N, C-alpha and C. Protein backbone atom coordinates (compact mmCIF):
# COMPACT_ATOMS: atom_id res chain seq x y z
N UNK A 1 0.82 -1.17 0.00
CA UNK A 1 0.00 0.00 0.00
C UNK A 1 0.88 1.25 0.00
N UNK A 2 0.47 2.22 -0.79
CA UNK A 2 1.22 3.47 -0.90
C UNK A 2 1.11 4.28 0.38
N UNK A 3 2.23 4.83 0.83
CA UNK A 3 2.23 5.63 2.04
C UNK A 3 1.73 7.05 1.72
N UNK A 4 0.79 7.54 2.54
CA UNK A 4 0.26 8.88 2.35
C UNK A 4 1.24 9.91 2.89
N UNK A 5 1.28 11.07 2.22
CA UNK A 5 2.12 12.16 2.71
C UNK A 5 1.41 13.48 2.43
N UNK A 6 1.76 14.53 3.14
CA UNK A 6 1.08 15.82 2.95
C UNK A 6 1.26 16.36 1.54
N UNK A 7 0.19 16.93 1.02
CA UNK A 7 0.23 17.55 -0.31
C UNK A 7 -0.63 18.80 -0.29
N UNK A 8 -0.23 19.77 -1.07
CA UNK A 8 -1.01 20.98 -1.25
C UNK A 8 -2.08 20.69 -2.29
N UNK A 9 -3.34 21.00 -1.98
CA UNK A 9 -4.44 20.78 -2.91
C UNK A 9 -5.15 22.12 -3.12
N UNK A 10 -5.21 22.55 -4.36
CA UNK A 10 -5.86 23.81 -4.72
C UNK A 10 -7.10 23.47 -5.55
N UNK A 11 -8.26 23.95 -5.11
CA UNK A 11 -9.50 23.67 -5.83
C UNK A 11 -9.98 24.93 -6.55
N UNK A 12 -10.86 24.71 -7.52
CA UNK A 12 -11.34 25.79 -8.38
C UNK A 12 -12.85 25.72 -8.49
N UNK A 13 -13.47 26.88 -8.69
CA UNK A 13 -14.93 26.91 -8.79
C UNK A 13 -15.42 26.59 -10.20
N UNK A 14 -14.50 26.66 -11.18
CA UNK A 14 -14.90 26.34 -12.55
C UNK A 14 -13.84 25.50 -13.24
N UNK A 15 -14.29 24.74 -14.20
CA UNK A 15 -13.37 23.92 -15.00
C UNK A 15 -12.43 24.82 -15.79
N UNK A 16 -12.93 25.96 -16.24
CA UNK A 16 -12.10 26.90 -16.99
C UNK A 16 -10.90 27.35 -16.17
N UNK A 17 -11.12 27.68 -14.90
CA UNK A 17 -10.02 28.12 -14.03
C UNK A 17 -9.03 26.98 -13.81
N UNK A 18 -9.53 25.76 -13.64
CA UNK A 18 -8.64 24.61 -13.42
C UNK A 18 -7.78 24.35 -14.65
N UNK A 19 -8.37 24.39 -15.82
CA UNK A 19 -7.62 24.17 -17.06
C UNK A 19 -6.62 25.30 -17.29
N UNK A 20 -7.02 26.51 -16.96
CA UNK A 20 -6.10 27.65 -17.09
C UNK A 20 -4.89 27.47 -16.16
N UNK A 21 -5.16 26.98 -14.95
CA UNK A 21 -4.08 26.72 -13.99
C UNK A 21 -3.12 25.67 -14.54
N UNK A 22 -3.67 24.60 -15.09
CA UNK A 22 -2.82 23.54 -15.63
C UNK A 22 -1.94 24.08 -16.76
N UNK A 23 -2.52 24.81 -17.68
CA UNK A 23 -1.75 25.36 -18.81
C UNK A 23 -0.69 26.34 -18.30
N UNK A 24 -1.07 27.18 -17.35
CA UNK A 24 -0.14 28.17 -16.79
C UNK A 24 1.04 27.48 -16.11
N UNK A 25 0.77 26.46 -15.31
CA UNK A 25 1.84 25.76 -14.60
C UNK A 25 2.77 25.02 -15.55
N UNK A 26 2.21 24.39 -16.56
CA UNK A 26 3.05 23.70 -17.55
C UNK A 26 3.91 24.68 -18.32
N UNK A 27 3.32 25.80 -18.70
CA UNK A 27 4.03 26.84 -19.44
C UNK A 27 5.19 27.43 -18.64
N UNK A 28 4.97 27.59 -17.34
CA UNK A 28 5.94 28.26 -16.48
C UNK A 28 6.75 27.30 -15.61
N UNK A 29 6.66 26.02 -15.93
CA UNK A 29 7.43 24.99 -15.22
C UNK A 29 7.23 25.03 -13.71
N UNK A 30 5.95 25.18 -13.29
CA UNK A 30 5.61 25.19 -11.87
C UNK A 30 5.22 23.77 -11.44
N UNK A 31 5.48 23.42 -10.19
CA UNK A 31 5.26 22.05 -9.73
C UNK A 31 3.78 21.69 -9.58
N UNK A 32 3.49 20.41 -9.78
CA UNK A 32 2.15 19.90 -9.52
C UNK A 32 1.54 19.22 -10.73
N UNK A 33 0.29 18.75 -10.49
CA UNK A 33 -0.47 18.10 -11.56
C UNK A 33 -1.95 18.16 -11.22
N UNK A 34 -2.79 18.01 -12.24
CA UNK A 34 -4.23 18.03 -12.06
C UNK A 34 -4.70 16.67 -11.54
N UNK A 35 -5.61 16.71 -10.56
CA UNK A 35 -6.20 15.49 -9.99
C UNK A 35 -7.70 15.70 -9.80
N UNK A 36 -8.45 14.62 -9.64
CA UNK A 36 -9.84 14.78 -9.22
C UNK A 36 -9.86 15.30 -7.78
N UNK A 37 -10.85 16.08 -7.43
CA UNK A 37 -10.94 16.60 -6.06
C UNK A 37 -11.06 15.43 -5.09
N UNK A 38 -10.22 15.40 -4.06
CA UNK A 38 -10.29 14.32 -3.06
C UNK A 38 -11.64 14.30 -2.34
N UNK A 39 -12.07 13.15 -1.89
CA UNK A 39 -13.35 13.00 -1.20
C UNK A 39 -13.47 13.85 0.05
N UNK A 40 -12.33 14.13 0.68
CA UNK A 40 -12.34 14.86 1.94
C UNK A 40 -12.86 16.29 1.80
N UNK A 41 -12.84 16.82 0.59
CA UNK A 41 -13.29 18.20 0.37
C UNK A 41 -14.24 18.24 -0.81
N UNK A 42 -14.89 19.38 -0.98
CA UNK A 42 -15.77 19.56 -2.13
C UNK A 42 -15.30 20.79 -2.90
N UNK A 43 -15.56 20.78 -4.18
CA UNK A 43 -15.20 21.93 -5.02
C UNK A 43 -16.19 22.00 -6.17
N UNK A 44 -16.33 23.19 -6.69
CA UNK A 44 -17.30 23.44 -7.75
C UNK A 44 -17.12 22.62 -9.00
N UNK A 45 -15.89 22.43 -9.46
CA UNK A 45 -15.72 21.80 -10.77
C UNK A 45 -15.24 20.36 -10.72
N UNK A 46 -14.80 19.87 -9.58
CA UNK A 46 -14.35 18.48 -9.49
C UNK A 46 -12.88 18.27 -9.83
N UNK A 47 -12.17 19.34 -10.17
CA UNK A 47 -10.74 19.24 -10.47
C UNK A 47 -9.94 20.03 -9.45
N UNK A 48 -8.72 19.56 -9.17
CA UNK A 48 -7.85 20.23 -8.21
C UNK A 48 -6.41 20.13 -8.69
N UNK A 49 -5.58 21.04 -8.21
CA UNK A 49 -4.15 21.02 -8.51
C UNK A 49 -3.45 20.48 -7.28
N UNK A 50 -2.65 19.44 -7.45
CA UNK A 50 -1.89 18.82 -6.35
C UNK A 50 -0.43 19.17 -6.54
N UNK A 51 0.20 19.66 -5.46
CA UNK A 51 1.60 20.05 -5.53
C UNK A 51 2.27 19.77 -4.19
N UNK A 52 3.60 19.80 -4.16
CA UNK A 52 4.30 19.64 -2.88
C UNK A 52 3.94 20.80 -1.94
N UNK A 53 3.89 20.53 -0.65
CA UNK A 53 3.51 21.56 0.32
C UNK A 53 4.45 22.76 0.29
N UNK A 54 5.72 22.53 0.00
CA UNK A 54 6.68 23.64 0.00
C UNK A 54 6.52 24.57 -1.21
N UNK A 55 5.61 24.26 -2.12
CA UNK A 55 5.37 25.10 -3.29
C UNK A 55 4.22 26.08 -3.07
N UNK A 56 3.64 26.09 -1.88
CA UNK A 56 2.45 26.91 -1.63
C UNK A 56 2.67 28.39 -1.94
N UNK A 57 3.71 28.98 -1.39
CA UNK A 57 3.95 30.41 -1.60
C UNK A 57 4.22 30.72 -3.07
N UNK A 58 5.03 29.89 -3.70
CA UNK A 58 5.36 30.10 -5.12
C UNK A 58 4.10 30.04 -5.98
N UNK A 59 3.24 29.05 -5.73
CA UNK A 59 2.03 28.89 -6.53
C UNK A 59 1.02 30.00 -6.27
N UNK A 60 0.80 30.37 -5.01
CA UNK A 60 -0.17 31.43 -4.73
C UNK A 60 0.27 32.76 -5.31
N UNK A 61 1.56 33.07 -5.23
CA UNK A 61 2.06 34.31 -5.83
C UNK A 61 1.90 34.28 -7.34
N UNK A 62 2.24 33.16 -7.95
CA UNK A 62 2.13 33.04 -9.41
C UNK A 62 0.68 33.13 -9.87
N UNK A 63 -0.23 32.46 -9.16
CA UNK A 63 -1.65 32.50 -9.53
C UNK A 63 -2.21 33.92 -9.38
N UNK A 64 -1.82 34.61 -8.31
CA UNK A 64 -2.28 35.98 -8.10
C UNK A 64 -1.80 36.88 -9.23
N UNK A 65 -0.53 36.77 -9.58
CA UNK A 65 0.02 37.60 -10.66
C UNK A 65 -0.63 37.30 -12.00
N UNK A 66 -1.00 36.04 -12.22
CA UNK A 66 -1.61 35.64 -13.49
C UNK A 66 -3.12 35.86 -13.50
N UNK A 67 -3.70 36.22 -12.36
CA UNK A 67 -5.14 36.43 -12.30
C UNK A 67 -5.95 35.15 -12.27
N UNK A 68 -5.33 34.05 -11.84
CA UNK A 68 -6.04 32.77 -11.74
C UNK A 68 -6.72 32.71 -10.37
N UNK A 69 -8.02 32.52 -10.38
CA UNK A 69 -8.78 32.50 -9.13
C UNK A 69 -8.97 31.06 -8.67
N UNK A 70 -8.72 30.82 -7.39
CA UNK A 70 -8.92 29.50 -6.82
C UNK A 70 -10.01 29.58 -5.77
N UNK A 71 -10.59 28.43 -5.50
CA UNK A 71 -11.69 28.35 -4.54
C UNK A 71 -11.17 28.09 -3.13
N UNK A 72 -10.26 27.11 -2.99
CA UNK A 72 -9.76 26.73 -1.68
C UNK A 72 -8.34 26.19 -1.83
N UNK A 73 -7.62 26.25 -0.74
CA UNK A 73 -6.25 25.77 -0.74
C UNK A 73 -6.05 25.04 0.60
N UNK A 74 -5.69 23.77 0.55
CA UNK A 74 -5.54 22.97 1.77
C UNK A 74 -4.34 22.04 1.68
N UNK A 75 -3.86 21.67 2.86
CA UNK A 75 -2.83 20.62 2.96
C UNK A 75 -3.56 19.35 3.40
N UNK A 76 -3.47 18.30 2.60
CA UNK A 76 -4.13 17.03 2.89
C UNK A 76 -3.13 15.89 2.85
N UNK A 77 -3.44 14.82 3.55
CA UNK A 77 -2.65 13.59 3.47
C UNK A 77 -3.17 12.79 2.28
N UNK A 78 -2.39 12.72 1.22
CA UNK A 78 -2.79 11.98 0.02
C UNK A 78 -1.76 10.95 -0.36
């Protein structure tokens, strides 16, 4: 069985915002990947960005500068 470890999970209220985040991160070589929203939380569109916990400040600053709106940001054991 895979061992769970803390991960940063960013959720979005729309699929458009989630897809924009994915394209932005790939374009700018930012850490993470798109995942289905974990059962522990709910989100408007069902998609979330999963990244290492130490990338939180980098990602929030980058999203703010790019105008990408997120719904919630949490650290979860995944």
